[in-house]
Amino acid sequence: MSSYSRRDYARNRDEYLEQILAFLRNDERFVAAWLTGSIGRNEGDELSDFDLRIVVADAYAEQLCACSPQQVGTVTSAERLALYKQFGQPLVLCEAPGFPPTGDVSITSSIARRP
């Protein structure tokens, strides 16, 4: 039986977040990123996930922010899937285009298995 502890989870989560942030810092397609949720409010604990919001540069918005015609679904563009795969194999992917109803934001939730 594995002895994967809360501390192990927190350490892996933090390393994963740093990997993503380092990638974003060095990629001209992204102009800003910030944490929301419990970690963003400095209220997270060892079992908290992270909620990361990312702003895409205007020049890449059409490519990376194009939404599936489905209101909510598991379909994404090839460009976004390639981006997600930079950080591991996506296991769960849920897109909610047009959220909020103004239609100017696309929210994608993903859970990935790290390489």
N, C-alpha and C. Protein backbone atom coordinates (compact mmCIF):
# COMPACT_ATOMS: atom_id res chain seq x y z
N MET A 1 0.84 -1.18 0.00
CA MET A 1 0.00 0.00 0.00
C MET A 1 0.88 1.25 0.00
N SER A 2 0.52 2.24 -0.77
CA SER A 2 1.28 3.48 -0.88
C SER A 2 1.10 4.34 0.37
N SER A 3 2.15 5.04 0.71
CA SER A 3 2.07 5.94 1.86
C SER A 3 2.15 7.39 1.39
N TYR A 4 1.31 7.72 0.44
CA TYR A 4 1.26 9.07 -0.12
C TYR A 4 0.55 9.97 0.87
N SER A 5 1.27 10.90 1.44
CA SER A 5 0.72 11.73 2.51
C SER A 5 0.19 13.06 1.99
N ARG A 6 -0.49 13.76 2.87
CA ARG A 6 -0.96 15.11 2.54
C ARG A 6 0.22 16.01 2.19
N ARG A 7 1.30 15.85 2.91
CA ARG A 7 2.50 16.65 2.65
C ARG A 7 3.04 16.35 1.25
N ASP A 8 3.02 15.07 0.85
CA ASP A 8 3.46 14.70 -0.50
C ASP A 8 2.57 15.35 -1.55
N TYR A 9 1.25 15.31 -1.32
CA TYR A 9 0.32 15.93 -2.25
C TYR A 9 0.61 17.42 -2.38
N ALA A 10 0.76 18.10 -1.25
CA ALA A 10 1.01 19.55 -1.26
C ALA A 10 2.32 19.87 -1.98
N ARG A 11 3.35 19.09 -1.73
CA ARG A 11 4.65 19.32 -2.38
C ARG A 11 4.51 19.13 -3.89
N ASN A 12 3.87 18.04 -4.31
CA ASN A 12 3.68 17.80 -5.75
C ASN A 12 2.82 18.88 -6.39
N ARG A 13 1.77 19.29 -5.70
CA ARG A 13 0.90 20.36 -6.22
C ARG A 13 1.71 21.64 -6.43
N ASP A 14 2.50 22.00 -5.44
CA ASP A 14 3.29 23.23 -5.52
C ASP A 14 4.34 23.16 -6.63
N GLU A 15 4.97 22.00 -6.79
CA GLU A 15 5.94 21.82 -7.88
C GLU A 15 5.26 21.91 -9.24
N TYR A 16 4.08 21.32 -9.34
CA TYR A 16 3.31 21.37 -10.59
C TYR A 16 2.93 22.81 -10.93
N LEU A 17 2.47 23.54 -9.95
CA LEU A 17 2.12 24.95 -10.17
C LEU A 17 3.35 25.73 -10.62
N GLU A 18 4.48 25.52 -9.99
CA GLU A 18 5.71 26.22 -10.39
C GLU A 18 6.11 25.87 -11.82
N GLN A 19 5.92 24.61 -12.21
CA GLN A 19 6.22 24.19 -13.58
C GLN A 19 5.34 24.97 -14.57
N ILE A 20 4.07 25.07 -14.26
CA ILE A 20 3.15 25.80 -15.14
C ILE A 20 3.51 27.28 -15.19
N LEU A 21 3.78 27.89 -14.04
CA LEU A 21 4.11 29.32 -14.00
C LEU A 21 5.41 29.62 -14.75
N ALA A 22 6.40 28.75 -14.61
CA ALA A 22 7.67 28.95 -15.33
C ALA A 22 7.41 28.91 -16.84
N PHE A 23 6.58 27.99 -17.29
CA PHE A 23 6.24 27.90 -18.70
C PHE A 23 5.56 29.18 -19.16
N LEU A 24 4.56 29.65 -18.40
CA LEU A 24 3.82 30.85 -18.78
C LEU A 24 4.71 32.08 -18.83
N ARG A 25 5.64 32.19 -17.88
CA ARG A 25 6.56 33.35 -17.84
C ARG A 25 7.41 33.44 -19.10
N ASN A 26 7.71 32.30 -19.70
CA ASN A 26 8.61 32.26 -20.85
C ASN A 26 7.89 32.09 -22.18
N ASP A 27 6.60 32.30 -22.19
CA ASP A 27 5.81 32.13 -23.41
C ASP A 27 5.09 33.44 -23.71
N GLU A 28 5.42 34.04 -24.84
CA GLU A 28 4.86 35.36 -25.19
C GLU A 28 3.35 35.35 -25.38
N ARG A 29 2.75 34.18 -25.48
CA ARG A 29 1.30 34.12 -25.68
C ARG A 29 0.52 34.52 -24.42
N PHE A 30 1.19 34.55 -23.28
CA PHE A 30 0.51 34.80 -22.01
C PHE A 30 1.04 36.06 -21.36
N VAL A 31 0.13 36.94 -20.94
CA VAL A 31 0.55 38.22 -20.40
C VAL A 31 0.33 38.35 -18.89
N ALA A 32 -0.48 37.51 -18.31
CA ALA A 32 -0.71 37.57 -16.86
C ALA A 32 -1.31 36.26 -16.39
N ALA A 33 -1.07 35.97 -15.11
CA ALA A 33 -1.68 34.80 -14.48
C ALA A 33 -1.78 35.09 -12.99
N TRP A 34 -2.83 34.59 -12.37
CA TRP A 34 -2.98 34.76 -10.93
C TRP A 34 -3.80 33.62 -10.37
N LEU A 35 -3.62 33.40 -9.09
CA LEU A 35 -4.34 32.34 -8.38
C LEU A 35 -5.62 32.90 -7.77
N THR A 36 -6.67 32.12 -7.84
CA THR A 36 -7.91 32.44 -7.15
C THR A 36 -8.20 31.27 -6.21
N GLY A 37 -9.37 31.19 -5.68
CA GLY A 37 -9.72 30.10 -4.79
C GLY A 37 -8.99 30.20 -3.45
N SER A 38 -8.98 29.13 -2.72
CA SER A 38 -8.43 29.16 -1.36
C SER A 38 -6.94 29.50 -1.35
N ILE A 39 -6.17 28.98 -2.30
CA ILE A 39 -4.74 29.29 -2.31
C ILE A 39 -4.53 30.76 -2.68
N GLY A 40 -5.30 31.26 -3.61
CA GLY A 40 -5.20 32.67 -3.98
C GLY A 40 -5.55 33.61 -2.84
N ARG A 41 -6.39 33.15 -1.94
CA ARG A 41 -6.76 33.96 -0.76
C ARG A 41 -5.87 33.67 0.44
N ASN A 42 -4.82 32.87 0.24
CA ASN A 42 -3.94 32.44 1.34
C ASN A 42 -4.70 31.70 2.42
N GLU A 43 -5.70 30.92 2.01
CA GLU A 43 -6.48 30.13 2.95
C GLU A 43 -6.37 28.63 2.63
N GLY A 44 -5.49 28.27 1.73
CA GLY A 44 -5.36 26.88 1.33
C GLY A 44 -4.71 26.03 2.40
N ASP A 45 -4.92 24.73 2.27
CA ASP A 45 -4.27 23.79 3.18
C ASP A 45 -3.57 22.73 2.34
N GLU A 46 -3.09 21.69 2.97
CA GLU A 46 -2.34 20.65 2.27
C GLU A 46 -3.15 19.92 1.21
N LEU A 47 -4.47 19.95 1.29
CA LEU A 47 -5.30 19.25 0.32
C LEU A 47 -5.95 20.16 -0.72
N SER A 48 -5.66 21.44 -0.66
CA SER A 48 -6.26 22.38 -1.61
C SER A 48 -5.72 22.15 -3.02
N ASP A 49 -6.61 22.35 -4.00
CA ASP A 49 -6.15 22.38 -5.38
C ASP A 49 -5.78 23.82 -5.69
N PHE A 50 -5.35 24.09 -6.93
CA PHE A 50 -5.11 25.49 -7.29
C PHE A 50 -6.00 25.87 -8.45
N ASP A 51 -6.45 27.10 -8.41
CA ASP A 51 -7.30 27.69 -9.44
C ASP A 51 -6.49 28.80 -10.08
N LEU A 52 -6.12 28.62 -11.32
CA LEU A 52 -5.23 29.54 -12.01
C LEU A 52 -5.97 30.23 -13.14
N ARG A 53 -5.95 31.52 -13.15
CA ARG A 53 -6.54 32.32 -14.23
C ARG A 53 -5.40 32.86 -15.09
N ILE A 54 -5.58 32.79 -16.40
CA ILE A 54 -4.52 33.17 -17.33
C ILE A 54 -5.09 34.14 -18.37
N VAL A 55 -4.32 35.20 -18.67
CA VAL A 55 -4.70 36.15 -19.71
C VAL A 55 -3.83 35.88 -20.94
N VAL A 56 -4.49 35.72 -22.07
CA VAL A 56 -3.82 35.44 -23.33
C VAL A 56 -3.61 36.75 -24.08
N ALA A 57 -2.42 36.92 -24.66
CA ALA A 57 -2.13 38.12 -25.46
C ALA A 57 -3.10 38.21 -26.62
N ASP A 58 -3.47 39.43 -26.98
CA ASP A 58 -4.44 39.65 -28.06
C ASP A 58 -4.07 38.90 -29.34
N ALA A 59 -2.79 38.90 -29.69
CA ALA A 59 -2.35 38.27 -30.94
C ALA A 59 -2.64 36.77 -30.98
N TYR A 60 -2.81 36.15 -29.82
CA TYR A 60 -3.04 34.70 -29.76
C TYR A 60 -4.43 34.34 -29.27
N ALA A 61 -5.23 35.34 -28.99
CA ALA A 61 -6.55 35.09 -28.41
C ALA A 61 -7.44 34.25 -29.33
N GLU A 62 -7.47 34.56 -30.61
CA GLU A 62 -8.33 33.80 -31.52
C GLU A 62 -7.92 32.34 -31.56
N GLN A 63 -6.63 32.09 -31.55
CA GLN A 63 -6.10 30.72 -31.62
C GLN A 63 -6.36 29.95 -30.33
N LEU A 64 -6.10 30.58 -29.19
CA LEU A 64 -6.18 29.86 -27.91
C LEU A 64 -7.51 29.99 -27.18
N CYS A 65 -8.31 30.97 -27.57
CA CYS A 65 -9.57 31.19 -26.85
C CYS A 65 -10.80 30.81 -27.65
N ALA A 66 -10.60 30.26 -28.84
CA ALA A 66 -11.74 29.81 -29.64
C ALA A 66 -12.47 28.72 -28.88
N CYS A 67 -13.77 28.82 -28.84
CA CYS A 67 -14.57 27.88 -28.06
C CYS A 67 -15.30 26.89 -28.95
N SER A 68 -15.55 25.76 -28.38
CA SER A 68 -16.38 24.76 -29.04
C SER A 68 -17.80 25.31 -29.14
N PRO A 69 -18.56 24.93 -30.16
CA PRO A 69 -19.95 25.39 -30.26
C PRO A 69 -20.84 24.83 -29.16
N GLN A 70 -20.37 23.77 -28.48
CA GLN A 70 -21.15 23.21 -27.37
C GLN A 70 -21.14 24.21 -26.21
N GLN A 71 -22.24 24.30 -25.49
CA GLN A 71 -22.29 25.21 -24.34
C GLN A 71 -21.33 24.75 -23.25
N VAL A 72 -21.39 23.48 -22.93
CA VAL A 72 -20.43 22.90 -22.00
C VAL A 72 -20.07 21.54 -22.57
N GLY A 73 -18.79 21.26 -22.65
CA GLY A 73 -18.43 19.98 -23.24
C GLY A 73 -17.01 19.58 -22.97
N THR A 74 -16.64 18.49 -23.58
CA THR A 74 -15.29 17.95 -23.42
C THR A 74 -14.47 18.11 -24.68
N VAL A 75 -14.90 18.98 -25.57
CA VAL A 75 -14.21 19.21 -26.83
C VAL A 75 -13.37 20.48 -26.69
N THR A 76 -12.16 20.44 -27.19
CA THR A 76 -11.32 21.63 -27.17
C THR A 76 -10.58 21.72 -28.50
N SER A 77 -9.92 22.83 -28.74
CA SER A 77 -9.18 22.99 -29.98
C SER A 77 -7.84 22.26 -29.89
N ALA A 78 -7.28 21.96 -31.03
CA ALA A 78 -5.98 21.29 -31.08
C ALA A 78 -4.91 22.14 -30.39
N GLU A 79 -4.99 23.47 -30.56
CA GLU A 79 -4.01 24.36 -29.95
C GLU A 79 -4.08 24.31 -28.42
N ARG A 80 -5.29 24.32 -27.88
CA ARG A 80 -5.42 24.26 -26.42
C ARG A 80 -5.02 22.90 -25.89
N LEU A 81 -5.38 21.83 -26.60
CA LEU A 81 -5.00 20.50 -26.15
C LEU A 81 -3.47 20.37 -26.12
N ALA A 82 -2.80 20.91 -27.14
CA ALA A 82 -1.32 20.87 -27.16
C ALA A 82 -0.76 21.64 -25.96
N LEU A 83 -1.38 22.76 -25.62
CA LEU A 83 -0.95 23.52 -24.45
C LEU A 83 -1.12 22.70 -23.18
N TYR A 84 -2.26 22.08 -22.99
CA TYR A 84 -2.51 21.26 -21.80
C TYR A 84 -1.50 20.13 -21.69
N LYS A 85 -1.16 19.53 -22.83
CA LYS A 85 -0.25 18.39 -22.82
C LYS A 85 1.18 18.77 -22.43
N GLN A 86 1.49 20.07 -22.43
CA GLN A 86 2.79 20.52 -21.94
C GLN A 86 2.97 20.15 -20.48
N PHE A 87 1.87 19.95 -19.77
CA PHE A 87 1.91 19.75 -18.32
C PHE A 87 1.47 18.36 -17.89
N GLY A 88 1.21 17.48 -18.84
CA GLY A 88 0.79 16.12 -18.52
C GLY A 88 -0.35 15.70 -19.42
N GLN A 89 -0.77 14.47 -19.28
CA GLN A 89 -1.87 13.94 -20.08
C GLN A 89 -3.21 14.36 -19.45
N PRO A 90 -4.03 15.13 -20.17
CA PRO A 90 -5.33 15.50 -19.61
C PRO A 90 -6.18 14.26 -19.34
N LEU A 91 -6.71 14.18 -18.13
CA LEU A 91 -7.59 13.08 -17.75
C LEU A 91 -9.05 13.51 -17.78
N VAL A 92 -9.30 14.75 -17.37
CA VAL A 92 -10.64 15.31 -17.36
C VAL A 92 -10.54 16.70 -17.98
N LEU A 93 -11.43 17.01 -18.89
CA LEU A 93 -11.42 18.30 -19.55
C LEU A 93 -12.86 18.77 -19.69
N CYS A 94 -13.16 19.93 -19.17
CA CYS A 94 -14.51 20.47 -19.27
C CYS A 94 -14.41 21.93 -19.66
N GLU A 95 -15.01 22.29 -20.77
CA GLU A 95 -15.00 23.67 -21.23
C GLU A 95 -16.38 24.27 -21.05
N ALA A 96 -16.39 25.52 -20.60
CA ALA A 96 -17.64 26.25 -20.42
C ALA A 96 -17.50 27.60 -21.13
N PRO A 97 -17.63 27.62 -22.46
CA PRO A 97 -17.51 28.87 -23.18
C PRO A 97 -18.65 29.82 -22.82
N GLY A 98 -18.35 31.09 -22.91
CA GLY A 98 -19.39 32.09 -22.66
C GLY A 98 -19.77 32.17 -21.20
N PHE A 99 -18.81 31.98 -20.33
CA PHE A 99 -19.09 32.11 -18.90
C PHE A 99 -18.25 33.25 -18.38
N PRO A 100 -18.80 34.28 -17.86
CA PRO A 100 -20.21 34.54 -17.63
C PRO A 100 -20.97 34.77 -18.93
N PRO A 101 -22.29 34.93 -18.84
CA PRO A 101 -23.13 35.01 -20.04
C PRO A 101 -22.78 36.11 -21.03
N THR A 102 -21.89 37.03 -20.68
CA THR A 102 -21.50 38.06 -21.64
C THR A 102 -20.75 37.45 -22.82
N GLY A 103 -20.23 36.22 -22.64
CA GLY A 103 -19.57 35.54 -23.73
C GLY A 103 -18.14 35.96 -23.96
N ASP A 104 -17.57 36.79 -23.09
CA ASP A 104 -16.22 37.28 -23.33
C ASP A 104 -15.15 36.48 -22.59
N VAL A 105 -15.53 35.41 -21.97
CA VAL A 105 -14.59 34.60 -21.20
C VAL A 105 -14.85 33.13 -21.51
N SER A 106 -13.82 32.35 -21.53
CA SER A 106 -13.96 30.91 -21.65
C SER A 106 -13.27 30.28 -20.46
N ILE A 107 -13.95 29.40 -19.78
CA ILE A 107 -13.38 28.72 -18.64
C ILE A 107 -13.13 27.27 -19.03
N THR A 108 -11.94 26.82 -18.78
CA THR A 108 -11.61 25.43 -19.02
C THR A 108 -11.09 24.83 -17.72
N SER A 109 -11.65 23.73 -17.35
CA SER A 109 -11.17 22.99 -16.20
C SER A 109 -10.49 21.74 -16.71
N SER A 110 -9.35 21.45 -16.15
CA SER A 110 -8.67 20.24 -16.58
C SER A 110 -7.97 19.59 -15.40
N ILE A 111 -7.93 18.29 -15.44
CA ILE A 111 -7.17 17.50 -14.48
C ILE A 111 -6.23 16.66 -15.31
N ALA A 112 -4.96 16.69 -14.95
CA ALA A 112 -3.97 15.99 -15.76
C ALA A 112 -3.11 15.06 -14.91
N ARG A 113 -2.63 14.02 -15.55
CA ARG A 113 -1.64 13.15 -14.94
C ARG A 113 -0.29 13.68 -15.37
N ARG A 114 0.53 14.03 -14.39
CA ARG A 114 1.84 14.56 -14.70
C ARG A 114 2.72 13.47 -15.30
N PRO A 115 3.63 13.88 -16.19
CA PRO A 115 4.54 12.89 -16.81
C PRO A 115 5.51 12.33 -15.77
